[in-house]
Amino acid sequence: MSTAQLTWTLFRKDVAIAARSREVLGFLVIFSLLCAVVFAFGFLREGRAAQEHVPGVLWVTLLFTNTLGLLRLYSADEEAGAWTLALRSIGGPTPLFWSKAMLQLGFSTIVCVVLWPAVAIFLDARAIAVHWTALALLLGLLGQALFGALCAGLLAQIRLREVLLPLVLYPLAAPLLLAGVKVTALALDGAQWPEMQSWLLLMLAFDAIAVVLCPWLFARAVT
């Protein structure tokens, strides 16, 4: 079985487990909406719109929600005793990494689809350049999924991983977070490609580095 086939098999297994339980995805969606409501009550003053806070609320809520999802990313394999078997499979650790990164990206995409319009409604945001914001979210969520799968995998067998994961992940995700906030803010102001070019290219560069570096580091660290 090739690496791609093994990756797809592991991913289908993870999706089937998530679909049967639905507890992780449901919890993530509810948590993200609660965060959006709390931020909305905090930023709205005397009925005035809080549109300028939309980028920060959206990206910070996604980061916090993704972190909660990462804490359970490898739990099914650990609880079933399949962690060691997956690492020692014919394809090595790489298929396990890619399957988890794809699963995390799927979770975060679903959360984003629910959260994005909710934040816009709660904070009374006017029309936004949807295509630029969607591109920034795609690049940001991809990078967070790759770095997150790496960090969660490296800390899977370590005590206090709930404390260590944000400390390790957030510095790695900071460039994507800051660039995503900037692109979303520019999109709210009606900016076009020339103003956003450098920020989107920065996100693309970080994603390219993550695609190459994260699976290699995961394979080296867990073997």
N, C-alpha and C. Protein backbone atom coordinates (compact mmCIF):
# COMPACT_ATOMS: atom_id res chain seq x y z
N MET A 1 0.85 -1.20 0.00
CA MET A 1 0.00 0.00 0.00
C MET A 1 0.88 1.24 0.00
N SER A 2 0.60 2.20 -0.89
CA SER A 2 1.40 3.41 -1.00
C SER A 2 1.10 4.36 0.16
N THR A 3 1.97 5.37 0.29
CA THR A 3 1.77 6.36 1.35
C THR A 3 0.45 7.09 1.19
N ALA A 4 0.11 7.45 -0.05
CA ALA A 4 -1.14 8.16 -0.30
C ALA A 4 -2.35 7.29 0.05
N GLN A 5 -2.29 6.02 -0.32
CA GLN A 5 -3.41 5.12 -0.01
C GLN A 5 -3.55 4.91 1.50
N LEU A 6 -2.43 4.75 2.19
CA LEU A 6 -2.48 4.58 3.63
C LEU A 6 -2.99 5.84 4.31
N THR A 7 -2.55 7.00 3.82
CA THR A 7 -3.04 8.27 4.36
C THR A 7 -4.55 8.38 4.21
N TRP A 8 -5.05 8.04 3.03
CA TRP A 8 -6.48 8.11 2.77
C TRP A 8 -7.26 7.14 3.65
N THR A 9 -6.71 5.95 3.84
CA THR A 9 -7.36 4.96 4.70
C THR A 9 -7.45 5.45 6.15
N LEU A 10 -6.35 6.00 6.66
CA LEU A 10 -6.36 6.53 8.02
C LEU A 10 -7.31 7.71 8.16
N PHE A 11 -7.34 8.55 7.13
CA PHE A 11 -8.23 9.71 7.16
C PHE A 11 -9.69 9.28 7.17
N ARG A 12 -10.04 8.30 6.34
CA ARG A 12 -11.41 7.80 6.32
C ARG A 12 -11.79 7.20 7.66
N LYS A 13 -10.84 6.50 8.30
CA LYS A 13 -11.10 5.95 9.62
C LYS A 13 -11.37 7.06 10.63
N ASP A 14 -10.57 8.12 10.60
CA ASP A 14 -10.76 9.23 11.53
C ASP A 14 -12.09 9.94 11.29
N VAL A 15 -12.44 10.13 10.04
CA VAL A 15 -13.71 10.78 9.71
C VAL A 15 -14.89 9.94 10.18
N ALA A 16 -14.79 8.62 10.01
CA ALA A 16 -15.87 7.73 10.46
C ALA A 16 -16.04 7.80 11.97
N ILE A 17 -14.93 7.82 12.70
CA ILE A 17 -15.00 7.93 14.16
C ILE A 17 -15.62 9.26 14.57
N ALA A 18 -15.17 10.35 13.93
CA ALA A 18 -15.71 11.67 14.25
C ALA A 18 -17.19 11.78 13.91
N ALA A 19 -17.61 11.15 12.80
CA ALA A 19 -19.01 11.21 12.39
C ALA A 19 -19.90 10.43 13.35
N ARG A 20 -19.38 9.33 13.89
CA ARG A 20 -20.18 8.54 14.82
C ARG A 20 -20.38 9.24 16.16
N SER A 21 -19.31 9.85 16.64
CA SER A 21 -19.40 10.49 17.96
C SER A 21 -19.99 11.90 17.88
N ARG A 22 -19.48 12.69 16.95
CA ARG A 22 -19.92 14.08 16.73
C ARG A 22 -19.69 14.98 17.94
N GLU A 23 -19.11 14.46 19.00
CA GLU A 23 -18.94 15.27 20.20
C GLU A 23 -17.87 16.34 20.03
N VAL A 24 -16.76 15.99 19.35
CA VAL A 24 -15.67 16.95 19.20
C VAL A 24 -16.11 18.12 18.32
N LEU A 25 -16.67 17.82 17.15
CA LEU A 25 -17.08 18.89 16.24
C LEU A 25 -18.17 19.74 16.86
N GLY A 26 -19.16 19.11 17.50
CA GLY A 26 -20.22 19.88 18.12
C GLY A 26 -19.71 20.79 19.21
N PHE A 27 -18.77 20.29 20.02
CA PHE A 27 -18.19 21.11 21.07
C PHE A 27 -17.43 22.29 20.49
N LEU A 28 -16.67 22.06 19.40
CA LEU A 28 -15.90 23.14 18.80
C LEU A 28 -16.79 24.23 18.23
N VAL A 29 -17.88 23.83 17.57
CA VAL A 29 -18.79 24.82 17.00
C VAL A 29 -19.45 25.64 18.11
N ILE A 30 -19.92 24.97 19.15
CA ILE A 30 -20.57 25.69 20.26
C ILE A 30 -19.59 26.63 20.95
N PHE A 31 -18.36 26.15 21.18
CA PHE A 31 -17.36 26.99 21.83
C PHE A 31 -17.06 28.23 21.00
N SER A 32 -16.91 28.07 19.68
CA SER A 32 -16.60 29.22 18.83
C SER A 32 -17.73 30.24 18.83
N LEU A 33 -18.98 29.77 18.81
CA LEU A 33 -20.11 30.70 18.83
C LEU A 33 -20.22 31.41 20.17
N LEU A 34 -19.94 30.71 21.25
CA LEU A 34 -19.96 31.36 22.57
C LEU A 34 -18.90 32.43 22.65
N CYS A 35 -17.71 32.15 22.12
CA CYS A 35 -16.65 33.16 22.10
C CYS A 35 -17.09 34.39 21.30
N ALA A 36 -17.73 34.16 20.15
CA ALA A 36 -18.19 35.27 19.33
C ALA A 36 -19.21 36.12 20.08
N VAL A 37 -20.13 35.48 20.80
CA VAL A 37 -21.14 36.21 21.56
C VAL A 37 -20.49 37.03 22.68
N VAL A 38 -19.54 36.43 23.38
CA VAL A 38 -18.86 37.13 24.47
C VAL A 38 -18.10 38.35 23.93
N PHE A 39 -17.37 38.16 22.84
CA PHE A 39 -16.65 39.28 22.24
C PHE A 39 -17.62 40.37 21.78
N ALA A 40 -18.75 39.97 21.20
CA ALA A 40 -19.71 40.95 20.73
C ALA A 40 -20.25 41.81 21.87
N PHE A 41 -20.59 41.19 22.99
CA PHE A 41 -21.07 41.95 24.14
C PHE A 41 -19.96 42.83 24.71
N GLY A 42 -18.73 42.39 24.59
CA GLY A 42 -17.63 43.19 25.12
C GLY A 42 -17.29 44.40 24.28
N PHE A 43 -17.47 44.29 22.96
CA PHE A 43 -17.04 45.36 22.07
C PHE A 43 -18.16 46.32 21.67
N LEU A 44 -19.41 45.88 21.70
CA LEU A 44 -20.51 46.76 21.34
C LEU A 44 -20.78 47.75 22.48
N ARG A 45 -20.83 48.99 22.14
CA ARG A 45 -21.07 50.04 23.13
C ARG A 45 -22.17 51.00 22.62
N GLU A 46 -23.25 51.11 23.39
CA GLU A 46 -24.32 52.05 23.10
C GLU A 46 -24.87 51.87 21.69
N GLY A 47 -24.97 50.61 21.26
CA GLY A 47 -25.56 50.34 19.97
C GLY A 47 -24.67 50.63 18.78
N ARG A 48 -23.43 51.07 19.01
CA ARG A 48 -22.54 51.38 17.90
C ARG A 48 -21.94 50.10 17.34
N ALA A 49 -21.72 50.10 16.02
CA ALA A 49 -21.13 48.93 15.36
C ALA A 49 -19.69 48.75 15.81
N ALA A 50 -19.25 47.52 15.85
CA ALA A 50 -17.89 47.20 16.25
C ALA A 50 -17.16 46.49 15.12
N GLN A 51 -17.37 46.98 13.90
CA GLN A 51 -16.81 46.32 12.72
C GLN A 51 -15.29 46.22 12.76
N GLU A 52 -14.64 47.21 13.35
CA GLU A 52 -13.18 47.19 13.37
C GLU A 52 -12.62 46.03 14.19
N HIS A 53 -13.45 45.41 15.02
CA HIS A 53 -12.99 44.29 15.83
C HIS A 53 -13.20 42.94 15.16
N VAL A 54 -13.86 42.92 14.01
CA VAL A 54 -14.17 41.66 13.34
C VAL A 54 -12.91 40.84 13.05
N PRO A 55 -11.84 41.42 12.47
CA PRO A 55 -10.67 40.58 12.16
C PRO A 55 -10.07 39.90 13.39
N GLY A 56 -9.90 40.66 14.47
CA GLY A 56 -9.31 40.07 15.66
C GLY A 56 -10.19 39.01 16.28
N VAL A 57 -11.50 39.29 16.38
CA VAL A 57 -12.43 38.32 16.97
C VAL A 57 -12.44 37.03 16.15
N LEU A 58 -12.51 37.16 14.83
CA LEU A 58 -12.59 35.99 13.96
C LEU A 58 -11.36 35.11 14.08
N TRP A 59 -10.18 35.71 13.98
CA TRP A 59 -8.96 34.92 13.94
C TRP A 59 -8.57 34.39 15.32
N VAL A 60 -8.77 35.16 16.34
CA VAL A 60 -8.44 34.69 17.69
C VAL A 60 -9.38 33.56 18.10
N THR A 61 -10.67 33.70 17.79
CA THR A 61 -11.61 32.63 18.12
C THR A 61 -11.26 31.35 17.37
N LEU A 62 -10.90 31.47 16.10
CA LEU A 62 -10.49 30.29 15.34
C LEU A 62 -9.25 29.64 15.94
N LEU A 63 -8.30 30.45 16.38
CA LEU A 63 -7.08 29.90 16.97
C LEU A 63 -7.39 29.15 18.26
N PHE A 64 -8.18 29.74 19.13
CA PHE A 64 -8.55 29.08 20.39
C PHE A 64 -9.34 27.80 20.12
N THR A 65 -10.28 27.86 19.20
CA THR A 65 -11.10 26.69 18.89
C THR A 65 -10.25 25.57 18.30
N ASN A 66 -9.34 25.92 17.39
CA ASN A 66 -8.47 24.91 16.79
C ASN A 66 -7.57 24.27 17.85
N THR A 67 -7.14 25.05 18.83
CA THR A 67 -6.30 24.49 19.89
C THR A 67 -7.06 23.42 20.67
N LEU A 68 -8.32 23.68 20.97
CA LEU A 68 -9.12 22.68 21.68
C LEU A 68 -9.27 21.40 20.85
N GLY A 69 -9.45 21.56 19.53
CA GLY A 69 -9.56 20.40 18.68
C GLY A 69 -8.27 19.60 18.63
N LEU A 70 -7.14 20.27 18.67
CA LEU A 70 -5.84 19.59 18.62
C LEU A 70 -5.60 18.74 19.85
N LEU A 71 -6.16 19.13 20.98
CA LEU A 71 -5.96 18.36 22.20
C LEU A 71 -6.57 16.96 22.10
N ARG A 72 -7.54 16.79 21.20
CA ARG A 72 -8.18 15.49 21.01
C ARG A 72 -7.81 14.84 19.68
N LEU A 73 -6.86 15.41 18.96
CA LEU A 73 -6.58 14.96 17.61
C LEU A 73 -6.07 13.53 17.56
N TYR A 74 -5.18 13.17 18.49
CA TYR A 74 -4.59 11.83 18.49
C TYR A 74 -5.18 10.94 19.58
N SER A 75 -6.22 11.39 20.25
CA SER A 75 -6.76 10.65 21.39
C SER A 75 -7.32 9.29 20.99
N ALA A 76 -8.01 9.22 19.86
CA ALA A 76 -8.61 7.96 19.44
C ALA A 76 -7.55 6.89 19.23
N ASP A 77 -6.43 7.27 18.64
CA ASP A 77 -5.35 6.31 18.40
C ASP A 77 -4.71 5.87 19.71
N GLU A 78 -4.55 6.81 20.64
CA GLU A 78 -3.95 6.45 21.92
C GLU A 78 -4.87 5.54 22.73
N GLU A 79 -6.16 5.86 22.77
CA GLU A 79 -7.10 5.08 23.56
C GLU A 79 -7.30 3.68 23.00
N ALA A 80 -7.20 3.55 21.67
CA ALA A 80 -7.37 2.24 21.05
C ALA A 80 -6.07 1.45 20.96
N GLY A 81 -4.98 2.04 21.41
CA GLY A 81 -3.70 1.37 21.34
C GLY A 81 -3.12 1.29 19.94
N ALA A 82 -3.61 2.17 19.04
CA ALA A 82 -3.17 2.11 17.65
C ALA A 82 -2.05 3.09 17.34
N TRP A 83 -1.63 3.87 18.31
CA TRP A 83 -0.58 4.87 18.09
C TRP A 83 0.71 4.22 17.61
N THR A 84 1.18 3.23 18.33
CA THR A 84 2.43 2.57 17.96
C THR A 84 2.30 1.83 16.64
N LEU A 85 1.15 1.17 16.43
CA LEU A 85 0.94 0.44 15.18
C LEU A 85 0.95 1.37 13.97
N ALA A 86 0.33 2.54 14.12
CA ALA A 86 0.31 3.50 13.01
C ALA A 86 1.71 4.02 12.69
N LEU A 87 2.50 4.25 13.73
CA LEU A 87 3.85 4.76 13.51
C LEU A 87 4.75 3.70 12.87
N ARG A 88 4.48 2.41 13.15
CA ARG A 88 5.31 1.34 12.62
C ARG A 88 4.75 0.70 11.37
N SER A 89 3.76 1.33 10.77
CA SER A 89 3.17 0.79 9.56
C SER A 89 4.17 0.86 8.41
N ILE A 90 3.82 0.24 7.30
CA ILE A 90 4.72 0.17 6.17
C ILE A 90 5.04 1.55 5.60
N GLY A 91 4.12 2.49 5.77
CA GLY A 91 4.36 3.84 5.27
C GLY A 91 5.08 4.74 6.24
N GLY A 92 5.35 4.26 7.46
CA GLY A 92 6.02 5.07 8.47
C GLY A 92 5.06 6.07 9.11
N PRO A 93 5.60 7.07 9.80
CA PRO A 93 4.75 8.05 10.50
C PRO A 93 4.07 9.06 9.59
N THR A 94 4.56 9.23 8.36
CA THR A 94 4.05 10.29 7.49
C THR A 94 2.55 10.17 7.20
N PRO A 95 2.02 8.98 6.86
CA PRO A 95 0.57 8.89 6.63
C PRO A 95 -0.26 9.30 7.84
N LEU A 96 0.21 8.95 9.04
CA LEU A 96 -0.51 9.34 10.25
C LEU A 96 -0.55 10.86 10.37
N PHE A 97 0.58 11.50 10.10
CA PHE A 97 0.61 12.96 10.19
C PHE A 97 -0.36 13.60 9.21
N TRP A 98 -0.32 13.17 7.95
CA TRP A 98 -1.17 13.80 6.93
C TRP A 98 -2.64 13.53 7.19
N SER A 99 -2.98 12.35 7.69
CA SER A 99 -4.38 12.07 7.99
C SER A 99 -4.89 12.98 9.11
N LYS A 100 -4.06 13.21 10.13
CA LYS A 100 -4.47 14.08 11.23
C LYS A 100 -4.53 15.54 10.79
N ALA A 101 -3.59 15.95 9.94
CA ALA A 101 -3.63 17.33 9.45
C ALA A 101 -4.88 17.57 8.60
N MET A 102 -5.24 16.60 7.78
CA MET A 102 -6.46 16.72 6.98
C MET A 102 -7.70 16.75 7.86
N LEU A 103 -7.71 15.92 8.90
CA LEU A 103 -8.86 15.91 9.81
C LEU A 103 -8.99 17.24 10.53
N GLN A 104 -7.88 17.78 11.00
CA GLN A 104 -7.91 19.07 11.69
C GLN A 104 -8.35 20.18 10.75
N LEU A 105 -7.88 20.14 9.52
CA LEU A 105 -8.30 21.14 8.53
C LEU A 105 -9.79 21.04 8.27
N GLY A 106 -10.32 19.82 8.21
CA GLY A 106 -11.76 19.66 8.03
C GLY A 106 -12.56 20.22 9.19
N PHE A 107 -12.12 19.92 10.42
CA PHE A 107 -12.79 20.48 11.60
C PHE A 107 -12.79 22.01 11.57
N SER A 108 -11.61 22.59 11.34
CA SER A 108 -11.49 24.04 11.39
C SER A 108 -12.27 24.71 10.25
N THR A 109 -12.37 24.06 9.10
CA THR A 109 -13.14 24.62 8.00
C THR A 109 -14.62 24.67 8.34
N ILE A 110 -15.14 23.60 8.92
CA ILE A 110 -16.56 23.59 9.32
C ILE A 110 -16.84 24.65 10.37
N VAL A 111 -15.95 24.76 11.34
CA VAL A 111 -16.11 25.80 12.37
C VAL A 111 -16.09 27.18 11.74
N CYS A 112 -15.18 27.39 10.79
CA CYS A 112 -15.06 28.69 10.15
C CYS A 112 -16.32 29.05 9.36
N VAL A 113 -16.89 28.07 8.66
CA VAL A 113 -18.11 28.32 7.89
C VAL A 113 -19.25 28.77 8.79
N VAL A 114 -19.32 28.24 10.00
CA VAL A 114 -20.36 28.64 10.95
C VAL A 114 -20.01 29.96 11.63
N LEU A 115 -18.74 30.12 11.98
CA LEU A 115 -18.33 31.26 12.79
C LEU A 115 -18.28 32.56 12.00
N TRP A 116 -17.80 32.52 10.77
CA TRP A 116 -17.60 33.73 9.98
C TRP A 116 -18.88 34.56 9.86
N PRO A 117 -19.99 34.02 9.38
CA PRO A 117 -21.21 34.85 9.32
C PRO A 117 -21.72 35.25 10.70
N ALA A 118 -21.50 34.40 11.70
CA ALA A 118 -21.96 34.74 13.05
C ALA A 118 -21.22 35.97 13.57
N VAL A 119 -19.92 36.02 13.37
CA VAL A 119 -19.14 37.18 13.81
C VAL A 119 -19.59 38.43 13.07
N ALA A 120 -19.83 38.31 11.76
CA ALA A 120 -20.27 39.46 10.98
C ALA A 120 -21.62 39.98 11.48
N ILE A 121 -22.51 39.09 11.85
CA ILE A 121 -23.83 39.50 12.34
C ILE A 121 -23.74 40.09 13.74
N PHE A 122 -23.02 39.42 14.63
CA PHE A 122 -22.94 39.88 16.02
C PHE A 122 -22.26 41.25 16.13
N LEU A 123 -21.25 41.49 15.28
CA LEU A 123 -20.50 42.74 15.34
C LEU A 123 -20.97 43.75 14.30
N ASP A 124 -22.09 43.43 13.64
CA ASP A 124 -22.73 44.38 12.72
C ASP A 124 -21.76 44.87 11.64
N ALA A 125 -21.10 43.92 10.99
CA ALA A 125 -20.14 44.27 9.94
C ALA A 125 -20.87 44.51 8.63
N ARG A 126 -20.41 45.49 7.88
CA ARG A 126 -20.99 45.76 6.57
C ARG A 126 -20.35 44.81 5.55
N ALA A 127 -20.61 45.07 4.28
CA ALA A 127 -20.10 44.20 3.21
C ALA A 127 -18.57 44.11 3.28
N ILE A 128 -18.07 42.92 3.02
CA ILE A 128 -16.64 42.65 3.09
C ILE A 128 -16.22 41.95 1.81
N ALA A 129 -14.97 42.17 1.39
CA ALA A 129 -14.43 41.50 0.21
C ALA A 129 -14.29 40.01 0.54
N VAL A 130 -15.30 39.23 0.20
CA VAL A 130 -15.38 37.84 0.63
C VAL A 130 -14.23 37.02 0.06
N HIS A 131 -13.88 37.24 -1.20
CA HIS A 131 -12.88 36.38 -1.84
C HIS A 131 -11.51 36.53 -1.20
N TRP A 132 -11.12 37.75 -0.83
CA TRP A 132 -9.81 37.93 -0.19
C TRP A 132 -9.81 37.35 1.21
N THR A 133 -10.88 37.56 1.95
CA THR A 133 -10.97 37.00 3.29
C THR A 133 -10.98 35.48 3.25
N ALA A 134 -11.72 34.91 2.29
CA ALA A 134 -11.77 33.45 2.16
C ALA A 134 -10.39 32.89 1.83
N LEU A 135 -9.64 33.58 0.97
CA LEU A 135 -8.29 33.12 0.63
C LEU A 135 -7.38 33.17 1.85
N ALA A 136 -7.46 34.25 2.61
CA ALA A 136 -6.65 34.36 3.82
C ALA A 136 -7.02 33.28 4.84
N LEU A 137 -8.30 33.02 4.99
CA LEU A 137 -8.74 31.98 5.93
C LEU A 137 -8.25 30.61 5.48
N LEU A 138 -8.31 30.34 4.18
CA LEU A 138 -7.83 29.06 3.67
C LEU A 138 -6.34 28.87 3.97
N LEU A 139 -5.55 29.90 3.68
CA LEU A 139 -4.11 29.81 3.94
C LEU A 139 -3.83 29.70 5.44
N GLY A 140 -4.56 30.48 6.23
CA GLY A 140 -4.33 30.46 7.67
C GLY A 140 -4.72 29.14 8.31
N LEU A 141 -5.87 28.61 7.92
CA LEU A 141 -6.31 27.34 8.50
C LEU A 141 -5.42 26.18 8.06
N LEU A 142 -4.93 26.23 6.83
CA LEU A 142 -4.01 25.19 6.36
C LEU A 142 -2.73 25.18 7.18
N GLY A 143 -2.15 26.37 7.38
CA GLY A 143 -0.93 26.45 8.18
C GLY A 143 -1.15 26.04 9.62
N GLN A 144 -2.27 26.46 10.20
CA GLN A 144 -2.57 26.07 11.58
C GLN A 144 -2.77 24.57 11.70
N ALA A 145 -3.39 23.95 10.70
CA ALA A 145 -3.60 22.50 10.75
C ALA A 145 -2.26 21.75 10.67
N LEU A 146 -1.36 22.22 9.83
CA LEU A 146 -0.07 21.54 9.68
C LEU A 146 0.79 21.71 10.93
N PHE A 147 0.94 22.94 11.38
CA PHE A 147 1.73 23.17 12.60
C PHE A 147 1.04 22.54 13.81
N GLY A 148 -0.29 22.58 13.84
CA GLY A 148 -1.01 21.99 14.95
C GLY A 148 -0.87 20.49 15.01
N ALA A 149 -0.97 19.81 13.86
CA ALA A 149 -0.80 18.36 13.83
C ALA A 149 0.61 17.97 14.27
N LEU A 150 1.59 18.77 13.89
CA LEU A 150 2.97 18.52 14.31
C LEU A 150 3.11 18.66 15.82
N CYS A 151 2.67 19.78 16.37
CA CYS A 151 2.83 20.03 17.80
C CYS A 151 2.03 19.04 18.64
N ALA A 152 0.79 18.76 18.23
CA ALA A 152 -0.03 17.81 18.97
C ALA A 152 0.57 16.42 18.94
N GLY A 153 1.17 16.03 17.81
CA GLY A 153 1.80 14.73 17.71
C GLY A 153 3.04 14.62 18.56
N LEU A 154 3.84 15.67 18.59
CA LEU A 154 5.06 15.65 19.39
C LEU A 154 4.76 15.62 20.89
N LEU A 155 3.63 16.20 21.28
CA LEU A 155 3.27 16.28 22.69
C LEU A 155 2.27 15.21 23.12
N ALA A 156 1.93 14.30 22.20
CA ALA A 156 0.87 13.33 22.47
C ALA A 156 1.18 12.44 23.67
N GLN A 157 2.44 12.11 23.88
CA GLN A 157 2.83 11.19 24.95
C GLN A 157 3.40 11.92 26.17
N ILE A 158 3.21 13.23 26.21
CA ILE A 158 3.80 14.04 27.28
C ILE A 158 2.71 14.50 28.24
N ARG A 159 3.01 14.45 29.53
CA ARG A 159 2.07 14.97 30.53
C ARG A 159 1.99 16.49 30.42
N LEU A 160 0.86 17.03 30.84
CA LEU A 160 0.62 18.47 30.79
C LEU A 160 0.64 19.01 29.36
N ARG A 161 0.27 18.17 28.39
CA ARG A 161 0.27 18.64 27.00
C ARG A 161 -0.76 19.74 26.79
N GLU A 162 -1.80 19.77 27.62
CA GLU A 162 -2.80 20.83 27.51
C GLU A 162 -2.18 22.20 27.77
N VAL A 163 -1.18 22.25 28.63
CA VAL A 163 -0.49 23.50 28.94
C VAL A 163 0.58 23.80 27.91
N LEU A 164 1.30 22.77 27.50
CA LEU A 164 2.44 22.96 26.60
C LEU A 164 2.02 23.26 25.17
N LEU A 165 0.90 22.71 24.72
CA LEU A 165 0.51 22.87 23.32
C LEU A 165 0.37 24.33 22.90
N PRO A 166 -0.38 25.16 23.63
CA PRO A 166 -0.45 26.58 23.22
C PRO A 166 0.91 27.28 23.25
N LEU A 167 1.75 26.93 24.22
CA LEU A 167 3.05 27.57 24.32
C LEU A 167 3.95 27.25 23.13
N VAL A 168 3.78 26.06 22.57
CA VAL A 168 4.58 25.67 21.41
C VAL A 168 3.94 26.13 20.10
N LEU A 169 2.62 26.00 20.01
CA LEU A 169 1.92 26.28 18.76
C LEU A 169 1.79 27.76 18.45
N TYR A 170 1.45 28.58 19.44
CA TYR A 170 1.13 29.97 19.16
C TYR A 170 2.29 30.76 18.55
N PRO A 171 3.53 30.59 19.01
CA PRO A 171 4.62 31.30 18.32
C PRO A 171 4.77 30.88 16.86
N LEU A 172 4.53 29.59 16.56
CA LEU A 172 4.62 29.13 15.18
C LEU A 172 3.49 29.69 14.32
N ALA A 173 2.30 29.80 14.91
CA ALA A 173 1.14 30.28 14.16
C ALA A 173 1.02 31.79 14.14
N ALA A 174 1.85 32.49 14.91
CA ALA A 174 1.72 33.95 15.02
C ALA A 174 1.82 34.68 13.68
N PRO A 175 2.78 34.35 12.79
CA PRO A 175 2.82 35.06 11.50
C PRO A 175 1.55 34.88 10.68
N LEU A 176 1.00 33.67 10.68
CA LEU A 176 -0.24 33.43 9.95
C LEU A 176 -1.40 34.20 10.59
N LEU A 177 -1.43 34.25 11.90
CA LEU A 177 -2.49 34.96 12.60
C LEU A 177 -2.44 36.46 12.31
N LEU A 178 -1.26 37.03 12.43
CA LEU A 178 -1.11 38.47 12.21
C LEU A 178 -1.41 38.85 10.76
N ALA A 179 -0.91 38.05 9.82
CA ALA A 179 -1.17 38.34 8.41
C ALA A 179 -2.65 38.16 8.08
N GLY A 180 -3.29 37.14 8.66
CA GLY A 180 -4.72 36.94 8.42
C GLY A 180 -5.56 38.09 8.96
N VAL A 181 -5.22 38.57 10.14
CA VAL A 181 -5.93 39.72 10.70
C VAL A 181 -5.77 40.94 9.81
N LYS A 182 -4.57 41.15 9.30
CA LYS A 182 -4.31 42.31 8.45
C LYS A 182 -5.09 42.22 7.14
N VAL A 183 -5.10 41.06 6.50
CA VAL A 183 -5.84 40.90 5.25
C VAL A 183 -7.33 41.10 5.47
N THR A 184 -7.87 40.55 6.55
CA THR A 184 -9.29 40.71 6.85
C THR A 184 -9.63 42.17 7.11
N ALA A 185 -8.75 42.88 7.81
CA ALA A 185 -8.99 44.30 8.07
C ALA A 185 -8.96 45.10 6.77
N LEU A 186 -8.02 44.79 5.89
CA LEU A 186 -7.96 45.48 4.60
C LEU A 186 -9.19 45.16 3.75
N ALA A 187 -9.66 43.91 3.82
CA ALA A 187 -10.86 43.55 3.06
C ALA A 187 -12.08 44.32 3.56
N LEU A 188 -12.16 44.54 4.86
CA LEU A 188 -13.26 45.34 5.42
C LEU A 188 -13.22 46.77 4.91
N ASP A 189 -12.03 47.27 4.64
CA ASP A 189 -11.88 48.64 4.15
C ASP A 189 -11.98 48.74 2.63
N GLY A 190 -12.23 47.60 1.96
CA GLY A 190 -12.39 47.61 0.51
C GLY A 190 -11.09 47.62 -0.26
N ALA A 191 -9.99 47.24 0.37
CA ALA A 191 -8.70 47.23 -0.33
C ALA A 191 -8.67 46.12 -1.39
N GLN A 192 -7.74 46.25 -2.33
CA GLN A 192 -7.60 45.29 -3.41
C GLN A 192 -6.23 44.61 -3.34
N TRP A 193 -5.92 43.84 -4.37
CA TRP A 193 -4.73 42.99 -4.38
C TRP A 193 -3.43 43.71 -4.05
N PRO A 194 -3.14 44.89 -4.61
CA PRO A 194 -1.84 45.52 -4.30
C PRO A 194 -1.60 45.73 -2.81
N GLU A 195 -2.64 46.11 -2.06
CA GLU A 195 -2.47 46.32 -0.62
C GLU A 195 -2.32 45.01 0.14
N MET A 196 -2.91 43.94 -0.36
CA MET A 196 -2.89 42.66 0.35
C MET A 196 -1.80 41.71 -0.13
N GLN A 197 -1.16 42.05 -1.21
CA GLN A 197 -0.24 41.12 -1.85
C GLN A 197 0.84 40.60 -0.91
N SER A 198 1.51 41.51 -0.22
CA SER A 198 2.63 41.10 0.63
C SER A 198 2.18 40.19 1.76
N TRP A 199 1.00 40.48 2.35
CA TRP A 199 0.51 39.66 3.46
C TRP A 199 0.09 38.27 3.00
N LEU A 200 -0.60 38.20 1.86
CA LEU A 200 -1.01 36.90 1.34
C LEU A 200 0.19 36.06 0.90
N LEU A 201 1.19 36.70 0.32
CA LEU A 201 2.40 35.98 -0.07
C LEU A 201 3.16 35.48 1.16
N LEU A 202 3.12 36.27 2.24
CA LEU A 202 3.74 35.81 3.49
C LEU A 202 3.05 34.55 4.01
N MET A 203 1.72 34.54 3.98
CA MET A 203 0.99 33.36 4.41
C MET A 203 1.27 32.16 3.52
N LEU A 204 1.35 32.41 2.21
CA LEU A 204 1.65 31.32 1.28
C LEU A 204 3.04 30.76 1.53
N ALA A 205 4.00 31.62 1.83
CA ALA A 205 5.36 31.16 2.10
C ALA A 205 5.41 30.30 3.37
N PHE A 206 4.71 30.72 4.40
CA PHE A 206 4.67 29.93 5.63
C PHE A 206 4.00 28.58 5.41
N ASP A 207 2.95 28.55 4.61
CA ASP A 207 2.29 27.28 4.31
C ASP A 207 3.22 26.36 3.53
N ALA A 208 3.97 26.92 2.58
CA ALA A 208 4.90 26.11 1.82
C ALA A 208 5.98 25.51 2.72
N ILE A 209 6.47 26.31 3.66
CA ILE A 209 7.46 25.80 4.62
C ILE A 209 6.85 24.69 5.47
N ALA A 210 5.61 24.89 5.91
CA ALA A 210 4.94 23.90 6.76
C ALA A 210 4.72 22.59 6.03
N VAL A 211 4.35 22.65 4.76
CA VAL A 211 4.09 21.44 3.98
C VAL A 211 5.34 20.58 3.88
N VAL A 212 6.50 21.21 3.78
CA VAL A 212 7.75 20.46 3.66
C VAL A 212 8.31 20.08 5.03
N LEU A 213 8.29 21.02 5.96
CA LEU A 213 9.00 20.84 7.22
C LEU A 213 8.22 20.00 8.24
N CYS A 214 6.92 20.22 8.35
CA CYS A 214 6.15 19.57 9.42
C CYS A 214 6.14 18.05 9.32
N PRO A 215 5.83 17.45 8.16
CA PRO A 215 5.87 15.98 8.12
C PRO A 215 7.27 15.40 8.34
N TRP A 216 8.30 16.13 7.89
CA TRP A 216 9.67 15.66 8.08
C TRP A 216 10.03 15.69 9.57
N LEU A 217 9.69 16.76 10.26
CA LEU A 217 9.99 16.85 11.69
C LEU A 217 9.19 15.81 12.47
N PHE A 218 7.94 15.60 12.10
CA PHE A 218 7.12 14.60 12.78
C PHE A 218 7.73 13.21 12.64
N ALA A 219 8.13 12.88 11.42
CA ALA A 219 8.71 11.56 11.19
C ALA A 219 10.02 11.37 11.96
N ARG A 220 10.83 12.43 12.01
CA ARG A 220 12.10 12.32 12.72
C ARG A 220 11.90 12.24 14.23
N ALA A 221 10.89 12.93 14.75
CA ALA A 221 10.72 13.03 16.19
C ALA A 221 10.09 11.79 16.81
N VAL A 222 9.18 11.14 16.09
CA VAL A 222 8.43 10.04 16.68
C VAL A 222 9.04 8.67 16.38
N THR A 223 10.12 8.64 15.59
CA THR A 223 10.76 7.35 15.29
C THR A 223 12.09 7.23 16.03
